[in-house]
Amino acid sequence: MSFEKIINESNEYYLANNIAIIHKKPIPIQIVKVDYPSRSGAVIKEAYYKVPSTTDYNGIYKGYYIDFEAKETINKTSFPLSNIHPHQVEHLYNIYDHHGISFLLIYFKAHDEIYLLEGQYVMEFYKRSKDGRKSITYDEIKEKGFLIKEKISPRIDYLKIVDDIIKSL
């Protein structure tokens, strides 16, 4: 099952149990050309992004605005910062700067581990990449991030970590 699908199922669990309202954001596209091979079917032949999308998910939990990006990597020793766009890093930091809760969920396929890394740390590592290392080491993520153990329901209970973040505010 894909990482995104598991996150979506976790969000559905949160919604169904009145815990949080968090949704995947739609990608803003402009459809340019559509073919109608039959009366009941339409096929999009050409489209482009209207504007760069910000992050994958947003919503509200316990009165706090939540915004995050989900990424996965096959790399065993680091998370390449090329996997996240600069405007996404800036967006995560801006949410943090305005007292929202922002983070990156990173799935290390090789380790079968999921980490939550808060937005301010994503920005720190991104700034470092301007003159230095172009990735976040696995050890740095283990040190600054939070390991999320998979469960039955919800599979990825990232809000348990968000509770800890809220307590520290």
Protein backbone atom coordinates (compact mmCIF):
# COMPACT_ATOMS: atom_id res chain seq x y z
CA MET A 1 0.00 0.00 0.00
CA SER A 2 1.34 3.43 -0.87
CA PHE A 3 2.50 5.83 1.81
CA GLU A 4 -0.03 8.44 0.70
CA LYS A 5 -2.90 5.94 0.82
CA ILE A 6 -2.01 5.00 4.41
CA ILE A 7 -1.95 8.69 5.40
CA ASN A 8 -5.33 9.19 3.72
CA GLU A 9 -6.76 6.22 5.64
CA SER A 10 -5.40 7.66 8.89
CA ASN A 11 -7.04 10.99 8.08
CA GLU A 12 -10.33 9.22 7.32
CA TYR A 13 -10.09 7.54 10.74
CA TYR A 14 -9.49 10.91 12.43
CA LEU A 15 -12.50 12.42 10.61
CA ALA A 16 -14.84 9.46 11.23
CA ASN A 17 -13.98 9.50 14.94
CA ASN A 18 -14.29 13.31 15.22
CA ILE A 19 -10.62 13.66 16.20
CA ALA A 20 -9.41 16.04 13.48
CA ILE A 21 -10.30 17.39 10.06
CA ILE A 22 -7.29 16.94 7.78
CA HIS A 23 -7.53 16.57 4.02
CA LYS A 24 -5.23 16.08 1.07
CA LYS A 25 -5.10 19.30 -0.92
CA PRO A 26 -6.08 19.07 -4.57
CA ILE A 27 -3.40 19.93 -7.10
CA PRO A 28 -4.38 23.13 -8.93
CA ILE A 29 -4.34 22.28 -12.64
CA GLN A 30 -5.63 24.03 -15.73
CA ILE A 31 -7.13 21.68 -18.31
CA VAL A 32 -6.21 22.74 -21.83
CA LYS A 33 -7.38 19.94 -24.11
CA VAL A 34 -10.05 17.28 -23.64
CA ASP A 35 -11.07 14.57 -26.10
CA TYR A 36 -14.57 13.13 -26.03
CA PRO A 37 -14.28 9.66 -27.59
CA SER A 38 -17.84 8.84 -26.47
CA ARG A 39 -20.82 10.57 -24.90
CA SER A 40 -20.04 9.10 -21.48
CA GLY A 41 -16.27 9.50 -21.44
CA ALA A 42 -13.87 12.39 -21.53
CA VAL A 43 -10.09 12.08 -21.70
CA ILE A 44 -7.82 14.91 -20.58
CA LYS A 45 -5.10 15.19 -23.20
CA GLU A 46 -3.27 18.29 -21.99
CA ALA A 47 -3.11 20.14 -18.67
CA TYR A 48 -0.63 22.20 -16.67
CA TYR A 49 -0.17 23.37 -13.10
CA LYS A 50 -1.81 26.76 -12.49
CA VAL A 51 0.52 27.60 -9.60
CA PRO A 52 3.05 25.56 -7.67
CA SER A 53 1.22 23.59 -5.00
CA THR A 54 2.29 24.16 -1.43
CA THR A 55 2.05 21.01 0.69
CA ASP A 56 0.07 17.78 0.55
CA TYR A 57 -2.20 18.06 3.60
CA ASN A 58 -3.82 20.61 5.86
CA GLY A 59 -6.57 20.86 8.43
CA ILE A 60 -7.41 21.52 12.04
CA TYR A 61 -6.76 19.60 15.24
CA LYS A 62 -7.66 20.80 18.76
CA GLY A 63 -7.94 24.35 17.46
CA TYR A 64 -4.51 24.26 15.81
CA TYR A 65 -3.88 24.64 12.11
CA ILE A 66 -1.94 21.62 10.77
CA ASP A 67 -0.04 21.63 7.47
CA PHE A 68 2.37 18.97 6.22
CA GLU A 69 4.12 17.39 3.28
CA ALA A 70 4.59 13.64 2.90
CA LYS A 71 7.70 12.26 1.22
CA GLU A 72 9.35 8.90 0.87
CA THR A 73 12.86 7.85 0.01
CA ILE A 74 14.65 4.63 -0.86
CA ASN A 75 17.89 6.12 0.46
CA LYS A 76 19.17 4.35 3.61
CA THR A 77 21.43 7.06 4.99
CA SER A 78 19.73 10.39 4.24
CA PHE A 79 16.75 12.30 2.92
CA PRO A 80 17.77 14.29 -0.18
CA LEU A 81 16.52 17.86 0.03
CA SER A 82 15.99 17.74 -3.73
CA ASN A 83 12.86 15.69 -2.83
CA ILE A 84 11.16 18.83 -1.51
CA HIS A 85 10.72 22.09 -3.43
CA PRO A 86 12.02 25.38 -1.98
CA HIS A 87 8.53 26.93 -2.00
CA GLN A 88 7.29 23.97 0.07
CA VAL A 89 10.05 24.47 2.64
CA GLU A 90 9.20 28.17 2.84
CA HIS A 91 5.51 27.34 3.20
CA LEU A 92 6.21 24.93 6.10
CA TYR A 93 8.33 27.56 7.80
CA ASN A 94 5.70 30.29 7.30
CA ILE A 95 3.06 28.07 8.92
CA TYR A 96 5.41 27.51 11.87
CA ASP A 97 6.22 31.24 12.03
CA HIS A 98 2.49 32.02 12.27
CA HIS A 99 2.08 29.56 15.16
CA GLY A 100 0.58 26.75 13.12
CA ILE A 101 1.95 23.22 13.28
CA SER A 102 3.91 22.21 10.20
CA PHE A 103 6.00 19.18 9.48
CA LEU A 104 7.35 16.71 7.00
CA LEU A 105 6.36 13.05 7.21
CA ILE A 106 9.26 11.03 5.81
CA TYR A 107 8.98 7.35 5.00
CA PHE A 108 12.34 5.58 4.80
CA LYS A 109 11.46 2.54 2.66
CA ALA A 110 14.78 0.81 3.33
CA HIS A 111 14.21 0.94 7.10
CA ASP A 112 10.40 0.71 6.91
CA GLU A 113 10.26 3.70 9.28
CA ILE A 114 8.22 6.89 9.29
CA TYR A 115 9.46 10.09 10.92
CA LEU A 116 7.81 13.40 11.65
CA LEU A 117 10.22 16.32 11.26
CA GLU A 118 8.92 19.72 12.35
CA GLY A 119 8.88 22.62 9.88
CA GLN A 120 11.48 24.73 11.66
CA TYR A 121 14.03 21.91 11.37
CA VAL A 122 13.23 21.39 7.71
CA MET A 123 14.06 25.08 7.19
CA GLU A 124 17.31 24.78 9.20
CA PHE A 125 18.50 21.88 7.06
CA TYR A 126 17.39 23.63 3.89
CA LYS A 127 19.38 26.77 4.82
CA ARG A 128 22.41 24.58 5.51
CA SER A 129 22.08 23.06 2.04
CA LYS A 130 22.75 26.44 0.43
CA ASP A 131 26.44 26.20 1.36
CA GLY A 132 26.82 22.62 2.47
CA ARG A 133 25.20 19.22 2.71
CA LYS A 134 22.30 18.74 0.28
CA SER A 135 20.48 16.19 2.43
CA ILE A 136 19.36 15.48 5.97
CA THR A 137 21.17 12.47 7.37
CA TYR A 138 19.16 9.57 8.74
CA ASP A 139 20.87 10.15 12.11
CA GLU A 140 19.85 13.83 12.11
CA ILE A 141 16.25 12.85 11.40
CA LYS A 142 16.37 10.27 14.22
CA GLU A 143 17.76 12.99 16.54
CA LYS A 144 15.45 15.92 15.61
CA GLY A 145 12.40 13.98 14.40
CA PHE A 146 9.88 11.64 15.93
CA LEU A 147 9.54 7.99 14.96
CA ILE A 148 5.95 7.00 14.26
CA LYS A 149 5.19 3.36 14.91
CA GLU A 150 2.54 1.87 12.62
CA LYS A 151 -0.59 0.60 14.31
CA ILE A 152 -3.84 -1.02 13.26
CA SER A 153 -6.05 2.05 13.41
CA PRO A 154 -5.03 4.63 12.51
CA ARG A 155 -2.05 3.10 10.73
CA ILE A 156 0.03 6.28 11.00
CA ASP A 157 -1.01 8.02 14.22
CA TYR A 158 0.95 11.21 13.63
CA LEU A 159 -1.45 13.19 15.83
CA LYS A 160 0.02 11.43 18.87
CA ILE A 161 3.27 13.28 18.05
CA VAL A 162 1.35 16.51 17.36
CA ASP A 163 -0.04 16.22 20.91
CA ASP A 164 3.54 16.32 22.20
CA ILE A 165 4.28 19.34 19.99
CA ILE A 166 1.19 21.14 21.35
CA LYS A 167 2.29 20.43 24.95
CA SER A 168 5.66 22.06 24.21
CA LEU A 169 4.12 25.29 22.87
